[in-house]
Protein backbone atom coordinates (compact mmCIF):
# COMPACT_ATOMS: atom_id res chain seq x y z
CA MET A 1 -41.05 35.32 -17.84
CA SER A 2 -42.37 31.92 -18.26
CA ILE A 3 -39.35 28.82 -18.57
CA GLU A 4 -39.07 26.01 -19.73
CA GLY A 5 -35.81 23.86 -18.55
CA ARG A 6 -34.06 20.76 -18.99
CA ILE A 7 -30.83 19.20 -16.10
CA ALA A 8 -29.89 16.04 -16.84
CA VAL A 9 -27.04 13.69 -16.23
CA ASP A 10 -26.56 10.27 -18.58
CA VAL A 11 -23.31 8.22 -16.68
CA GLY A 12 -23.80 5.39 -18.98
CA PHE A 13 -20.84 2.77 -18.83
CA THR A 14 -20.64 -1.50 -19.72
CA ASP A 15 -17.43 -2.94 -18.17
CA SER A 16 -17.11 -6.62 -19.49
CA ALA A 17 -14.77 -9.57 -19.77
CA SER A 18 -14.22 -12.95 -21.68
CA SER A 19 -12.33 -15.51 -20.53
CA ASP A 20 -12.69 -19.40 -21.69
CA GLY A 21 -15.08 -18.68 -23.60
CA VAL A 22 -17.23 -16.95 -21.42
CA GLN A 23 -18.32 -13.67 -21.54
CA ALA A 24 -19.34 -11.27 -18.36
CA VAL A 25 -20.24 -7.88 -18.64
CA LYS A 26 -21.31 -5.47 -16.65
CA ARG A 27 -23.34 -1.90 -17.29
CA LEU A 28 -22.57 0.88 -14.66
CA ALA A 29 -25.63 3.49 -14.57
CA LEU A 30 -26.14 6.71 -13.00
CA THR A 31 -29.11 9.05 -14.58
CA SER A 32 -30.64 11.74 -12.91
CA THR A 33 -33.23 14.25 -14.82
CA ASP A 34 -35.08 16.97 -13.67
CA SER A 35 -37.71 19.41 -15.54
CA GLN A 36 -38.10 22.95 -14.86
CA THR A 37 -41.09 24.91 -15.51
CA THR A 38 -40.72 27.66 -12.71
CA GLY A 39 -38.39 30.00 -10.92
CA LYS A 40 -35.41 32.08 -12.88
CA VAL A 41 -32.33 30.96 -14.87
CA ALA A 42 -29.68 33.26 -15.34
CA ILE A 43 -26.28 32.94 -17.55
CA ILE A 44 -23.26 34.27 -16.96
CA ALA A 45 -19.53 33.80 -19.44
CA GLY A 46 -16.60 35.17 -19.10
CA THR A 47 -13.18 34.75 -17.86
CA CYS A 48 -11.18 33.96 -14.75
CA GLY A 49 -7.43 33.68 -13.79
CA THR A 50 -6.18 31.88 -10.38
CA ALA A 51 -7.76 35.32 -8.70
CA ALA A 52 -11.85 34.81 -8.00
CA VAL A 53 -13.82 36.65 -9.87
CA ALA A 54 -17.00 37.55 -8.14
CA ILE A 55 -20.58 36.96 -9.30
CA ALA A 56 -23.35 38.88 -7.64
CA VAL A 57 -26.73 37.29 -8.17
CA ALA A 58 -28.96 39.41 -6.36
CA PRO A 59 -29.02 42.15 -7.31
CA SER A 60 -27.39 41.01 -10.50
CA THR A 61 -26.99 42.86 -13.92
CA TYR A 62 -28.29 39.88 -15.99
CA ARG A 63 -31.50 40.20 -18.20
CA ASP A 64 -34.12 38.06 -19.43
CA ALA A 65 -36.26 37.15 -21.86
CA ASP A 66 -38.49 40.21 -21.70
CA GLY A 67 -35.06 42.14 -20.36
CA SER A 68 -35.99 42.38 -16.87
CA LEU A 69 -33.30 41.75 -14.93
CA VAL A 70 -32.79 38.71 -12.94
CA SER A 71 -32.10 39.28 -9.10
CA PHE A 72 -32.41 35.69 -6.80
CA ALA A 73 -34.15 35.47 -3.64
CA THR A 74 -32.59 31.31 -3.81
CA VAL A 75 -30.62 29.70 -6.14
CA ASP A 76 -31.38 26.28 -5.90
CA ARG A 77 -28.40 24.53 -8.10
CA PHE A 78 -26.09 25.46 -10.76
CA ALA A 79 -23.83 24.44 -14.01
CA PHE A 80 -20.55 25.01 -14.78
CA ALA A 81 -18.12 24.52 -17.19
CA ALA A 82 -14.50 25.99 -18.41
CA SER A 83 -12.10 25.47 -21.13
CA ALA A 84 -9.20 24.76 -18.40
CA ALA A 85 -8.91 23.31 -15.05
CA ALA A 86 -11.72 25.56 -12.70
CA ARG A 87 -13.80 25.59 -10.02
CA CYS A 88 -16.53 27.20 -9.46
CA ALA A 89 -17.56 27.84 -5.53
CA GLU A 90 -20.84 29.39 -3.48
CA ALA A 91 -19.60 32.12 -1.94
CA SER A 92 -20.76 31.08 1.31
CA GLY A 93 -18.37 27.47 0.79
CA SER A 94 -21.18 25.38 0.48
CA GLY A 95 -21.53 23.70 -3.14
CA ALA A 96 -18.20 23.88 -5.96
CA ALA A 97 -18.80 22.43 -9.03
CA ILE A 98 -15.15 21.73 -10.90
CA SER A 99 -14.58 21.90 -14.85
CA SER A 100 -11.75 20.87 -17.33
CA ALA A 101 -12.16 20.46 -21.23
CA SER A 102 -15.21 22.10 -21.20
CA ARG A 103 -17.18 19.80 -19.37
CA VAL A 104 -20.50 20.79 -17.63
CA ALA A 105 -20.60 20.20 -13.48
CA LEU A 106 -23.83 20.11 -11.62
CA SER A 107 -24.37 21.09 -8.73
CA ASP A 108 -27.13 21.39 -5.64
CA ALA A 109 -26.40 25.17 -3.95
CA ARG A 110 -26.34 23.86 -0.47
CA GLY A 111 -26.19 27.84 1.08
CA GLY A 112 -29.65 28.39 -0.76
CA GLY A 113 -28.81 32.55 -0.75
CA THR A 114 -27.69 35.54 -2.66
CA ALA A 115 -24.35 35.34 -1.86
CA GLY A 116 -22.67 34.52 -5.71
CA PHE A 117 -19.76 33.01 -6.60
CA ASN A 118 -16.44 32.48 -7.19
CA VAL A 119 -14.79 31.16 -10.09
CA SER A 120 -11.45 30.59 -10.28
CA ALA A 121 -9.05 28.25 -12.70
CA TYR A 122 -6.16 26.28 -10.72
CA SER A 123 -3.40 28.00 -12.88
CA GLY A 124 -3.53 29.82 -16.18
CA THR A 125 -6.65 31.59 -17.00
CA ALA A 126 -9.80 30.23 -18.18
CA SER A 127 -13.28 30.56 -20.45
CA PHE A 128 -15.90 30.04 -18.06
CA THR A 129 -19.88 29.76 -18.56
CA VAL A 130 -22.19 29.16 -15.35
CA VAL A 131 -26.01 28.60 -15.43
CA VAL A 132 -27.80 29.56 -12.24
CA VAL A 133 -30.96 28.36 -11.17
CA GLY A 134 -33.66 30.45 -8.46
CA THR A 135 -36.13 31.56 -7.97
């Protein structure tokens, strides 16, 4: 299996004000881009309610492009998106990401291990997607 990927975060805002013919502009930015050319990646999609859905990463049932099972020795980062307010947390309790309106949230996996994840909605149900990156 060979992977090639990118994780990019780009936050940018312009704050401006005018007074007495003078305009002040302030640019606020936060960016990060990382390339990933080694390791493993898996995408998990499902539906959750207020009771947590457990996601196992070792062993797992996720398959790579070759059709081989993808199990993680360590998890480095994860991205999470949910249709309604929901939380994806490492089962070890270390890292978490919160999403709503299908906005992507990103977190380093502080546990680094193979405890997996728990995904739950704050109320009702939510469709979710988790991308797990590791080795």
